């Protein structure tokens, strides 16, 4: 083997080692990113579950509020209607004089 061929072979070996090193680093990075993605997927699943639970609670609370607000609104409407009827009666009485 000539000196030129030995030199080319040495350069080739160095480049192959560099390429293998880069490949190993990329594999490691892929593994880290895969683990991170799995962790984020779990967090997202938990967050989605929490959101669904909170939405269900919110719906229950809104339903309860509508029922209780309806009762109060009915009472309030009756009071206002009674007040209006009294005012109309007093106006009729004034007109009658």
PDB file of N, CA and C in Angstrom:
ATOM      1  N   UNK A   1       0.852  -1.160   0.000  1.00  0.00           N
ATOM      2  CA  UNK A   1       0.000   0.000   0.000  1.00  0.00           C
ATOM      3  C   UNK A   1       0.909   1.238   0.000  1.00  0.00           C
ATOM      4  N   UNK A   2       0.546   2.184  -0.804  1.00  0.00           N
ATOM      5  CA  UNK A   2       1.373   3.389  -0.919  1.00  0.00           C
ATOM      6  C   UNK A   2       1.036   4.357   0.196  1.00  0.00           C
ATOM      7  N   UNK A   3       1.913   5.336   0.363  1.00  0.00           N
ATOM      8  CA  UNK A   3       1.690   6.359   1.392  1.00  0.00           C
ATOM      9  C   UNK A   3       0.403   7.136   1.126  1.00  0.00           C
ATOM     10  N   UNK A   4       0.111   7.416  -0.104  1.00  0.00           N
ATOM     11  CA  UNK A   4      -1.101   8.162  -0.469  1.00  0.00           C
ATOM     12  C   UNK A   4      -2.347   7.358  -0.096  1.00  0.00           C
ATOM     13  N   UNK A   5      -2.299   6.051  -0.370  1.00  0.00           N
ATOM     14  CA  UNK A   5      -3.433   5.198  -0.026  1.00  0.00           C
ATOM     15  C   UNK A   5      -3.590   5.085   1.493  1.00  0.00           C
ATOM     16  N   UNK A   6      -2.469   4.995   2.214  1.00  0.00           N
ATOM     17  CA  UNK A   6      -2.523   4.943   3.684  1.00  0.00           C
ATOM     18  C   UNK A   6      -3.130   6.222   4.249  1.00  0.00           C
ATOM     19  N   UNK A   7      -2.716   7.346   3.671  1.00  0.00           N
ATOM     20  CA  UNK A   7      -3.238   8.628   4.123  1.00  0.00           C
ATOM     21  C   UNK A   7      -4.748   8.718   3.858  1.00  0.00           C
ATOM     22  N   UNK A   8      -5.168   8.311   2.671  1.00  0.00           N
ATOM     23  CA  UNK A   8      -6.599   8.313   2.333  1.00  0.00           C
ATOM     24  C   UNK A   8      -7.374   7.371   3.247  1.00  0.00           C
ATOM     25  N   UNK A   9      -6.803   6.201   3.548  1.00  0.00           N
ATOM     26  CA  UNK A   9      -7.453   5.252   4.441  1.00  0.00           C
ATOM     27  C   UNK A   9      -7.591   5.841   5.846  1.00  0.00           C
ATOM     28  N   UNK A  10      -6.568   6.532   6.336  1.00  0.00           N
ATOM     29  CA  UNK A  10      -6.610   7.155   7.662  1.00  0.00           C
ATOM     30  C   UNK A  10      -7.681   8.247   7.699  1.00  0.00           C
ATOM     31  N   UNK A  11      -7.728   9.052   6.641  1.00  0.00           N
ATOM     32  CA  UNK A  11      -8.755  10.105   6.566  1.00  0.00           C
ATOM     33  C   UNK A  11     -10.145   9.481   6.542  1.00  0.00           C
ATOM     34  N   UNK A  12     -10.280   8.391   5.776  1.00  0.00           N
ATOM     35  CA  UNK A  12     -11.556   7.694   5.688  1.00  0.00           C
ATOM     36  C   UNK A  12     -11.976   7.144   7.050  1.00  0.00           C
ATOM     37  N   UNK A  13     -11.029   6.546   7.781  1.00  0.00           N
ATOM     38  CA  UNK A  13     -11.314   6.000   9.107  1.00  0.00           C
ATOM     39  C   UNK A  13     -11.762   7.102  10.063  1.00  0.00           C
ATOM     40  N   UNK A  14     -11.092   8.252  10.008  1.00  0.00           N
ATOM     41  CA  UNK A  14     -11.458   9.374  10.879  1.00  0.00           C
ATOM     42  C   UNK A  14     -12.875   9.842  10.554  1.00  0.00           C
ATOM     43  N   UNK A  15     -13.171   9.955   9.293  1.00  0.00           N
ATOM     44  CA  UNK A  15     -14.507  10.423   8.890  1.00  0.00           C
ATOM     45  C   UNK A  15     -15.590   9.407   9.259  1.00  0.00           C
ATOM     46  N   UNK A  16     -15.291   8.125   9.133  1.00  0.00           N
ATOM     47  CA  UNK A  16     -16.252   7.086   9.526  1.00  0.00           C
ATOM     48  C   UNK A  16     -16.504   7.159  11.033  1.00  0.00           C
ATOM     49  N   UNK A  17     -15.417   7.336  11.828  1.00  0.00           N
ATOM     50  CA  UNK A  17     -15.588   7.476  13.279  1.00  0.00           C
ATOM     51  C   UNK A  17     -16.437   8.702  13.612  1.00  0.00           C
ATOM     52  N   UNK A  18     -16.148   9.826  12.924  1.00  0.00           N
ATOM     53  CA  UNK A  18     -16.938  11.043  13.140  1.00  0.00           C
ATOM     54  C   UNK A  18     -18.404  10.801  12.793  1.00  0.00           C
ATOM     55  N   UNK A  19     -18.645  10.118  11.688  1.00  0.00           N
ATOM     56  CA  UNK A  19     -20.011   9.817  11.266  1.00  0.00           C
ATOM     57  C   UNK A  19     -20.713   8.918  12.281  1.00  0.00           C
ATOM     58  N   UNK A  20     -20.000   7.910  12.787  1.00  0.00           N
ATOM     59  CA  UNK A  20     -20.572   7.030  13.810  1.00  0.00           C
ATOM     60  C   UNK A  20     -20.861   7.801  15.093  1.00  0.00           C
ATOM     61  N   UNK A  21     -19.980   8.727  15.452  1.00  0.00           N
ATOM     62  CA  UNK A  21     -20.188   9.558  16.639  1.00  0.00           C
ATOM     63  C   UNK A  21     -21.439  10.427  16.474  1.00  0.00           C
ATOM     64  N   UNK A  22     -21.555  11.023  15.301  1.00  0.00           N
ATOM     65  CA  UNK A  22     -22.740  11.845  15.031  1.00  0.00           C
ATOM     66  C   UNK A  22     -24.004  10.987  15.077  1.00  0.00           C
ATOM     67  N   UNK A  23     -23.919   9.794  14.506  1.00  0.00           N
ATOM     68  CA  UNK A  23     -25.060   8.873  14.517  1.00  0.00           C
ATOM     69  C   UNK A  23     -25.452   8.505  15.947  1.00  0.00           C
ATOM     70  N   UNK A  24     -24.465   8.206  16.788  1.00  0.00           N
ATOM     71  CA  UNK A  24     -24.749   7.855  18.189  1.00  0.00           C
ATOM     72  C   UNK A  24     -25.377   9.033  18.939  1.00  0.00           C
ATOM     73  N   UNK A  25     -24.868  10.239  18.704  1.00  0.00           N
ATOM     74  CA  UNK A  25     -25.445  11.416  19.358  1.00  0.00           C
ATOM     75  C   UNK A  25     -26.889  11.632  18.915  1.00  0.00           C
ATOM     76  N   UNK A  26     -27.150  11.412  17.641  1.00  0.00           N
ATOM     77  CA  UNK A  26     -28.512  11.579  17.138  1.00  0.00           C
ATOM     78  C   UNK A  26     -29.457  10.528  17.734  1.00  0.00           C
ATOM     79  N   UNK A  27     -28.972   9.292  17.874  1.00  0.00           N
ATOM     80  CA  UNK A  27     -29.776   8.247  18.504  1.00  0.00           C
ATOM     81  C   UNK A  27     -30.106   8.625  19.944  1.00  0.00           C
ATOM     82  N   UNK A  28     -29.110   9.146  20.661  1.00  0.00           N
ATOM     83  CA  UNK A  28     -29.325   9.556  22.041  1.00  0.00           C
ATOM     84  C   UNK A  28     -30.344  10.692  22.104  1.00  0.00           C
ATOM     85  N   UNK A  29     -30.214  11.637  21.207  1.00  0.00           N
ATOM     86  CA  UNK A  29     -31.141  12.764  21.179  1.00  0.00           C
ATOM     87  C   UNK A  29     -32.559  12.291  20.850  1.00  0.00           C
ATOM     88  N   UNK A  30     -32.670  11.355  19.923  1.00  0.00           N
ATOM     89  CA  UNK A  30     -33.980  10.788  19.574  1.00  0.00           C
ATOM     90  C   UNK A  30     -34.601  10.103  20.782  1.00  0.00           C
ATOM     91  N   UNK A  31     -33.795   9.348  21.531  1.00  0.00           N
ATOM     92  CA  UNK A  31     -34.303   8.679  22.731  1.00  0.00           C
ATOM     93  C   UNK A  31     -34.782   9.692  23.766  1.00  0.00           C
ATOM     94  N   UNK A  32     -33.996  10.750  23.967  1.00  0.00           N
ATOM     95  CA  UNK A  32     -34.393  11.784  24.919  1.00  0.00           C
ATOM     96  C   UNK A  32     -35.688  12.454  24.488  1.00  0.00           C
ATOM     97  N   UNK A  33     -35.791  12.773  23.211  1.00  0.00           N
ATOM     98  CA  UNK A  33     -37.004  13.423  22.707  1.00  0.00           C
ATOM     99  C   UNK A  33     -38.211  12.493  22.779  1.00  0.00           C
ATOM    100  N   UNK A  34     -37.991  11.210  22.555  1.00  0.00           N
ATOM    101  CA  UNK A  34     -39.076  10.242  22.666  1.00  0.00           C
ATOM    102  C   UNK A  34     -39.585  10.173  24.101  1.00  0.00           C
ATOM    103  N   UNK A  35     -38.662  10.139  25.055  1.00  0.00           N
ATOM    104  CA  UNK A  35     -39.055  10.124  26.474  1.00  0.00           C
ATOM    105  C   UNK A  35     -39.799  11.403  26.837  1.00  0.00           C
ATOM    106  N   UNK A  36     -39.309  12.519  26.357  1.00  0.00           N
ATOM    107  CA  UNK A  36     -39.948  13.802  26.622  1.00  0.00           C
ATOM    108  C   UNK A  36     -41.352  13.835  26.026  1.00  0.00           C
ATOM    109  N   UNK A  37     -41.490  13.330  24.812  1.00  0.00           N
ATOM    110  CA  UNK A  37     -42.802  13.293  24.158  1.00  0.00           C
ATOM    111  C   UNK A  37     -43.776  12.416  24.930  1.00  0.00           C
ATOM    112  N   UNK A  38     -43.318  11.266  25.386  1.00  0.00           N
ATOM    113  CA  UNK A  38     -44.182  10.386  26.175  1.00  0.00           C
ATOM    114  C   UNK A  38     -44.615  11.075  27.461  1.00  0.00           C
ATOM    115  N   UNK A  39     -43.696  11.783  28.100  1.00  0.00           N
ATOM    116  CA  UNK A  39     -44.016  12.508  29.323  1.00  0.00           C
ATOM    117  C   UNK A  39     -45.056  13.596  29.047  1.00  0.00           C
ATOM    118  N   UNK A  40     -44.855  14.323  27.962  1.00  0.00           N
ATOM    119  CA  UNK A  40     -45.803  15.389  27.606  1.00  0.00           C
ATOM    120  C   UNK A  40     -47.166  14.816  27.244  1.00  0.00           C
ATOM    121  N   UNK A  41     -47.175  13.660  26.584  1.00  0.00           N
ATOM    122  CA  UNK A  41     -48.450  13.009  26.262  1.00  0.00           C
ATOM    123  C   UNK A  41     -49.211  12.637  27.532  1.00  0.00           C
ATOM    124  N   UNK A  42     -48.478  12.124  28.533  1.00  0.00           N
ATOM    125  CA  UNK A  42     -49.118  11.786  29.811  1.00  0.00           C
ATOM    126  C   UNK A  42     -49.678  13.034  30.478  1.00  0.00           C
ATOM    127  N   UNK A  43     -48.883  14.118  30.481  1.00  0.00           N
ATOM    128  CA  UNK A  43     -49.342  15.376  31.069  1.00  0.00           C
ATOM    129  C   UNK A  43     -50.575  15.894  30.342  1.00  0.00           C
ATOM    130  N   UNK A  44     -50.557  15.803  29.025  1.00  0.00           N
ATOM    131  CA  UNK A  44     -51.700  16.258  28.233  1.00  0.00           C
ATOM    132  C   UNK A  44     -52.935  15.431  28.544  1.00  0.00           C
ATOM    133  N   UNK A  45     -52.763  14.137  28.680  1.00  0.00           N
ATOM    134  CA  UNK A  45     -53.889  13.267  29.025  1.00  0.00           C
ATOM    135  C   UNK A  45     -54.473  13.634  30.379  1.00  0.00           C
ATOM    136  N   UNK A  46     -53.599  13.885  31.347  1.00  0.00           N
ATOM    137  CA  UNK A  46     -54.068  14.266  32.681  1.00  0.00           C
ATOM    138  C   UNK A  46     -54.766  15.622  32.638  1.00  0.00           C
ATOM    139  N   UNK A  47     -54.196  16.555  31.874  1.00  0.00           N
ATOM    140  CA  UNK A  47     -54.805  17.883  31.767  1.00  0.00           C
ATOM    141  C   UNK A  47     -56.172  17.792  31.086  1.00  0.00           C
ATOM    142  N   UNK A  48     -56.278  16.969  30.065  1.00  0.00           N
ATOM    143  CA  UNK A  48     -57.551  16.787  29.373  1.00  0.00           C
ATOM    144  C   UNK A  48     -58.586  16.190  30.318  1.00  0.00           C
ATOM    145  N   UNK A  49     -58.169  15.223  31.107  1.00  0.00           N
ATOM    146  CA  UNK A  49     -59.074  14.601  32.064  1.00  0.00           C
ATOM    147  C   UNK A  49     -59.533  15.630  33.105  1.00  0.00           C
ATOM    148  N   UNK A  50     -58.602  16.432  33.594  1.00  0.00           N
ATOM    149  CA  UNK A  50     -58.943  17.467  34.561  1.00  0.00           C
ATOM    150  C   UNK A  50     -59.921  18.477  33.956  1.00  0.00           C
ATOM    151  N   UNK A  51     -59.668  18.868  32.714  1.00  0.00           N
ATOM    152  CA  UNK A  51     -60.562  19.813  32.037  1.00  0.00           C
ATOM    153  C   UNK A  51     -61.958  19.223  31.911  1.00  0.00           C
ATOM    154  N   UNK A  52     -62.041  17.963  31.524  1.00  0.00           N
ATOM    155  CA  UNK A  52     -63.350  17.318  31.400  1.00  0.00           C
ATOM    156  C   UNK A  52     -64.081  17.262  32.735  1.00  0.00           C
ATOM    157  N   UNK A  53     -63.343  16.946  33.809  1.00  0.00           N
ATOM    158  CA  UNK A  53     -63.954  16.897  35.138  1.00  0.00           C
ATOM    159  C   UNK A  53     -64.441  18.283  35.556  1.00  0.00           C
ATOM    160  N   UNK A  54     -63.617  19.299  35.307  1.00  0.00           N
ATOM    161  CA  UNK A  54     -64.009  20.659  35.677  1.00  0.00           C
ATOM    162  C   UNK A  54     -65.189  21.145  34.845  1.00  0.00           C
ATOM    163  N   UNK A  55     -65.232  20.782  33.576  1.00  0.00           N
ATOM    164  CA  UNK A  55     -66.377  21.149  32.744  1.00  0.00           C
ATOM    165  C   UNK A  55     -67.657  20.500  33.263  1.00  0.00           C
ATOM    166  N   UNK A  56     -67.552  19.242  33.687  1.00  0.00           N
ATOM    167  CA  UNK A  56     -68.718  18.561  34.239  1.00  0.00           C
ATOM    168  C   UNK A  56     -69.181  19.249  35.521  1.00  0.00           C
ATOM    169  N   UNK A  57     -68.224  19.625  36.385  1.00  0.00           N
ATOM    170  CA  UNK A  57     -68.584  20.331  37.620  1.00  0.00           C
ATOM    171  C   UNK A  57     -69.216  21.679  37.307  1.00  0.00           C
ATOM    172  N   UNK A  58     -68.654  22.367  36.335  1.00  0.00           N
ATOM    173  CA  UNK A  58     -69.177  23.679  35.946  1.00  0.00           C
ATOM    174  C   UNK A  58     -70.604  23.545  35.431  1.00  0.00           C
ATOM    175  N   UNK A  59     -70.847  22.538  34.603  1.00  0.00           N
ATOM    176  CA  UNK A  59     -72.204  22.312  34.099  1.00  0.00           C
ATOM    177  C   UNK A  59     -73.174  22.031  35.239  1.00  0.00           C
ATOM    178  N   UNK A  60     -72.723  21.233  36.210  1.00  0.00           N
ATOM    179  CA  UNK A  60     -73.579  20.929  37.367  1.00  0.00           C
ATOM    180  C   UNK A  60     -73.889  22.194  38.164  1.00  0.00           C
ATOM    181  N   UNK A  61     -72.860  23.012  38.360  1.00  0.00           N
ATOM    182  CA  UNK A  61     -73.062  24.246  39.123  1.00  0.00           C
ATOM    183  C   UNK A  61     -73.971  25.213  38.371  1.00  0.00           C
ATOM    184  N   UNK A  62     -73.816  25.298  37.060  1.00  0.00           N
ATOM    185  CA  UNK A  62     -74.684  26.180  36.277  1.00  0.00           C
ATOM    186  C   UNK A  62     -76.127  25.702  36.328  1.00  0.00           C
ATOM    187  N   UNK A  63     -76.309  24.392  36.258  1.00  0.00           N
ATOM    188  CA  UNK A  63     -77.657  23.840  36.342  1.00  0.00           C
ATOM    189  C   UNK A  63     -78.275  24.158  37.699  1.00  0.00           C
ATOM    190  N   UNK A  64     -77.505  23.983  38.742  1.00  0.00           N
ATOM    191  CA  UNK A  64     -77.999  24.285  40.094  1.00  0.00           C
ATOM    192  C   UNK A  64     -78.309  25.770  40.228  1.00  0.00           C
ATOM    193  N   UNK A  65     -77.476  26.604  39.642  1.00  0.00           N
ATOM    194  CA  UNK A  65     -77.696  28.055  39.728  1.00  0.00           C
ATOM    195  C   UNK A  65     -78.936  28.454  38.954  1.00  0.00           C
ATOM    196  N   UNK A  66     -79.147  27.840  37.798  1.00  0.00           N
ATOM    197  CA  UNK A  66     -80.335  28.168  37.003  1.00  0.00           C
ATOM    198  C   UNK A  66     -81.592  27.804  37.771  1.00  0.00           C
ATOM    199  N   UNK A  67     -81.586  26.649  38.422  1.00  0.00           N
ATOM    200  CA  UNK A  67     -82.763  26.228  39.195  1.00  0.00           C
ATOM    201  C   UNK A  67     -83.006  27.194  40.343  1.00  0.00           C
ATOM    202  N   UNK A  68     -81.963  27.541  41.088  1.00  0.00           N
ATOM    203  CA  UNK A  68     -82.147  28.434  42.227  1.00  0.00           C
ATOM    204  C   UNK A  68     -82.442  29.851  41.753  1.00  0.00           C
ATOM    205  N   UNK A  69     -81.813  30.279  40.664  1.00  0.00           N
ATOM    206  CA  UNK A  69     -82.076  31.619  40.152  1.00  0.00           C
ATOM    207  C   UNK A  69     -83.491  31.715  39.616  1.00  0.00           C
ATOM    208  N   UNK A  70     -84.006  30.666  39.055  1.00  0.00           N
ATOM    209  CA  UNK A  70     -85.361  30.677  38.525  1.00  0.00           C
ATOM    210  C   UNK A  70     -86.368  30.902  39.643  1.00  0.00           C
ATOM    211  N   UNK A  71     -86.158  30.245  40.773  1.00  0.00           N
ATOM    212  CA  UNK A  71     -87.065  30.421  41.909  1.00  0.00           C
ATOM    213  C   UNK A  71     -87.020  31.858  42.402  1.00  0.00           C
ATOM    214  N   UNK A  72     -85.837  32.417  42.524  1.00  0.00           N
ATOM    215  CA  UNK A  72     -85.712  33.797  42.984  1.00  0.00           C
ATOM    216  C   UNK A  72     -86.278  34.765  41.955  1.00  0.00           C
ATOM    217  N   UNK A  73     -86.065  34.484  40.675  1.00  0.00           N
ATOM    218  CA  UNK A  73     -86.590  35.346  39.636  1.00  0.00           C
ATOM    219  C   UNK A  73     -88.114  35.337  39.657  1.00  0.00           C
ATOM    220  N   UNK A  74     -88.707  34.179  39.913  1.00  0.00           N
ATOM    221  CA  UNK A  74     -90.169  34.096  39.985  1.00  0.00           C
ATOM    222  C   UNK A  74     -90.671  34.943  41.150  1.00  0.00           C
ATOM    223  N   UNK A  75     -90.036  34.844  42.289  1.00  0.00           N
ATOM    224  CA  UNK A  75     -90.442  35.642  43.452  1.00  0.00           C
ATOM    225  C   UNK A  75     -90.288  37.126  43.163  1.00  0.00           C
ATOM    226  N   UNK A  76     -89.159  37.483  42.553  1.00  0.00           N
ATOM    227  CA  UNK A  76     -88.906  38.876  42.227  1.00  0.00           C
ATOM    228  C   UNK A  76     -89.925  39.389  41.215  1.00  0.00           C
ATOM    229  N   UNK A  77     -90.246  38.585  40.228  1.00  0.00           N
ATOM    230  CA  UNK A  77     -91.227  38.987  39.218  1.00  0.00           C
ATOM    231  C   UNK A  77     -92.598  39.176  39.854  1.00  0.00           C
ATOM    232  N   UNK A  78     -92.956  38.299  40.778  1.00  0.00           N
ATOM    233  CA  UNK A  78     -94.250  38.433  41.469  1.00  0.00           C
ATOM    234  C   UNK A  78     -94.302  39.729  42.265  1.00  0.00           C
ATOM    235  N   UNK A  79     -93.211  40.059  42.944  1.00  0.00           N
ATOM    236  CA  UNK A  79     -93.166  41.307  43.714  1.00  0.00           C
ATOM    237  C   UNK A  79     -93.306  42.514  42.804  1.00  0.00           C
ATOM    238  N   UNK A  80     -92.590  42.508  41.692  1.00  0.00           N
ATOM    239  CA  UNK A  80     -92.676  43.636  40.753  1.00  0.00           C
ATOM    240  C   UNK A  80     -94.072  43.748  40.168  1.00  0.00           C
ATOM    241  N   UNK A  81     -94.671  42.609  39.839  1.00  0.00           N
ATOM    242  CA  UNK A  81     -96.025  42.618  39.291  1.00  0.00           C
ATOM    243  C   UNK A  81     -97.022  43.142  40.313  1.00  0.00           C
ATOM    244  N   UNK A  82     -96.880  42.731  41.558  1.00  0.00           N
ATOM    245  CA  UNK A  82     -97.763  43.225  42.618  1.00  0.00           C
ATOM    246  C   UNK A  82     -97.610  44.728  42.787  1.00  0.00           C
ATOM    247  N   UNK A  83     -96.366  45.195  42.726  1.00  0.00           N
ATOM    248  CA  UNK A  83     -96.112  46.624  42.857  1.00  0.00           C
ATOM    249  C   UNK A  83     -96.750  47.391  41.697  1.00  0.00           C
ATOM    250  N   UNK A  84     -96.627  46.870  40.489  1.00  0.00           N
ATOM    251  CA  UNK A  84     -97.219  47.513  39.320  1.00  0.00           C
ATOM    252  C   UNK A  84     -98.747  47.531  39.426  1.00  0.00           C
ATOM    253  N   UNK A  85     -99.331  46.439  39.900  1.00  0.00           N
ATOM    254  CA  UNK A  85    -100.792  46.381  40.067  1.00  0.00           C
ATOM    255  C   UNK A  85    -101.232  47.427  41.081  1.00  0.00           C
ATOM    256  N   UNK A  86    -100.489  47.582  42.181  1.00  0.00           N
ATOM    257  CA  UNK A  86    -100.845  48.603  43.188  1.00  0.00           C
ATOM    258  C   UNK A  86    -100.744  50.006  42.597  1.00  0.00           C
ATOM    259  N   UNK A  87     -99.706  50.242  41.782  1.00  0.00           N
ATOM    260  CA  UNK A  87     -99.553  51.550  41.162  1.00  0.00           C
ATOM    261  C   UNK A  87    -100.699  51.837  40.195  1.00  0.00           C
ATOM    262  N   UNK A  88    -101.078  50.814  39.409  1.00  0.00           N
ATOM    263  CA  UNK A  88    -102.206  50.991  38.480  1.00  0.00           C
ATOM    264  C   UNK A  88    -103.478  51.263  39.265  1.00  0.00           C
ATOM    265  N   UNK A  89    -103.695  50.536  40.340  1.00  0.00           N
ATOM    266  CA  UNK A  89    -104.882  50.755  41.178  1.00  0.00           C
ATOM    267  C   UNK A  89    -104.902  52.170  41.732  1.00  0.00           C
ATOM    268  N   UNK A  90    -103.737  52.649  42.189  1.00  0.00           N
ATOM    269  CA  UNK A  90    -103.701  54.011  42.732  1.00  0.00           C
ATOM    270  C   UNK A  90    -103.928  55.038  41.630  1.00  0.00           C
ATOM    271  N   UNK A  91    -103.439  54.777  40.420  1.00  0.00           N
ATOM    272  CA  UNK A  91    -103.675  55.695  39.312  1.00  0.00           C
ATOM    273  C   UNK A  91    -105.156  55.715  38.943  1.00  0.00           C
ATOM    274  N   UNK A  92    -105.792  54.565  38.938  1.00  0.00           N
ATOM    275  CA  UNK A  92    -107.230  54.487  38.635  1.00  0.00           C
ATOM    276  C   UNK A  92    -108.017  55.254  39.707  1.00  0.00           C
ATOM    277  N   UNK A  93    -107.589  55.071  40.952  1.00  0.00           N
ATOM    278  CA  UNK A  93    -108.268  55.769  42.033  1.00  0.00           C
ATOM    279  C   UNK A  93    -108.129  57.265  41.888  1.00  0.00           C
ATOM    280  N   UNK A  94    -106.967  57.737  41.496  1.00  0.00           N
ATOM    281  CA  UNK A  94    -106.748  59.179  41.286  1.00  0.00           C
ATOM    282  C   UNK A  94    -107.589  59.704  40.126  1.00  0.00           C
ATOM    283  N   UNK A  95    -107.693  58.912  39.075  1.00  0.00           N
ATOM    284  CA  UNK A  95    -108.494  59.318  37.907  1.00  0.00           C
ATOM    285  C   UNK A  95    -109.985  59.339  38.237  1.00  0.00           C
ATOM    286  N   UNK A  96    -110.395  58.500  39.133  1.00  0.00           N
ATOM    287  CA  UNK A  96    -111.806  58.424  39.508  1.00  0.00           C
ATOM    288  C   UNK A  96    -112.249  59.645  40.282  1.00  0.00           C
ATOM    289  N   UNK A  97    -111.362  60.328  40.961  1.00  0.00           N
ATOM    290  CA  UNK A  97    -111.728  61.476  41.797  1.00  0.00           C
ATOM    291  C   UNK A  97    -112.093  62.623  40.992  1.00  0.00           C
TER     292      UNK A  97
END
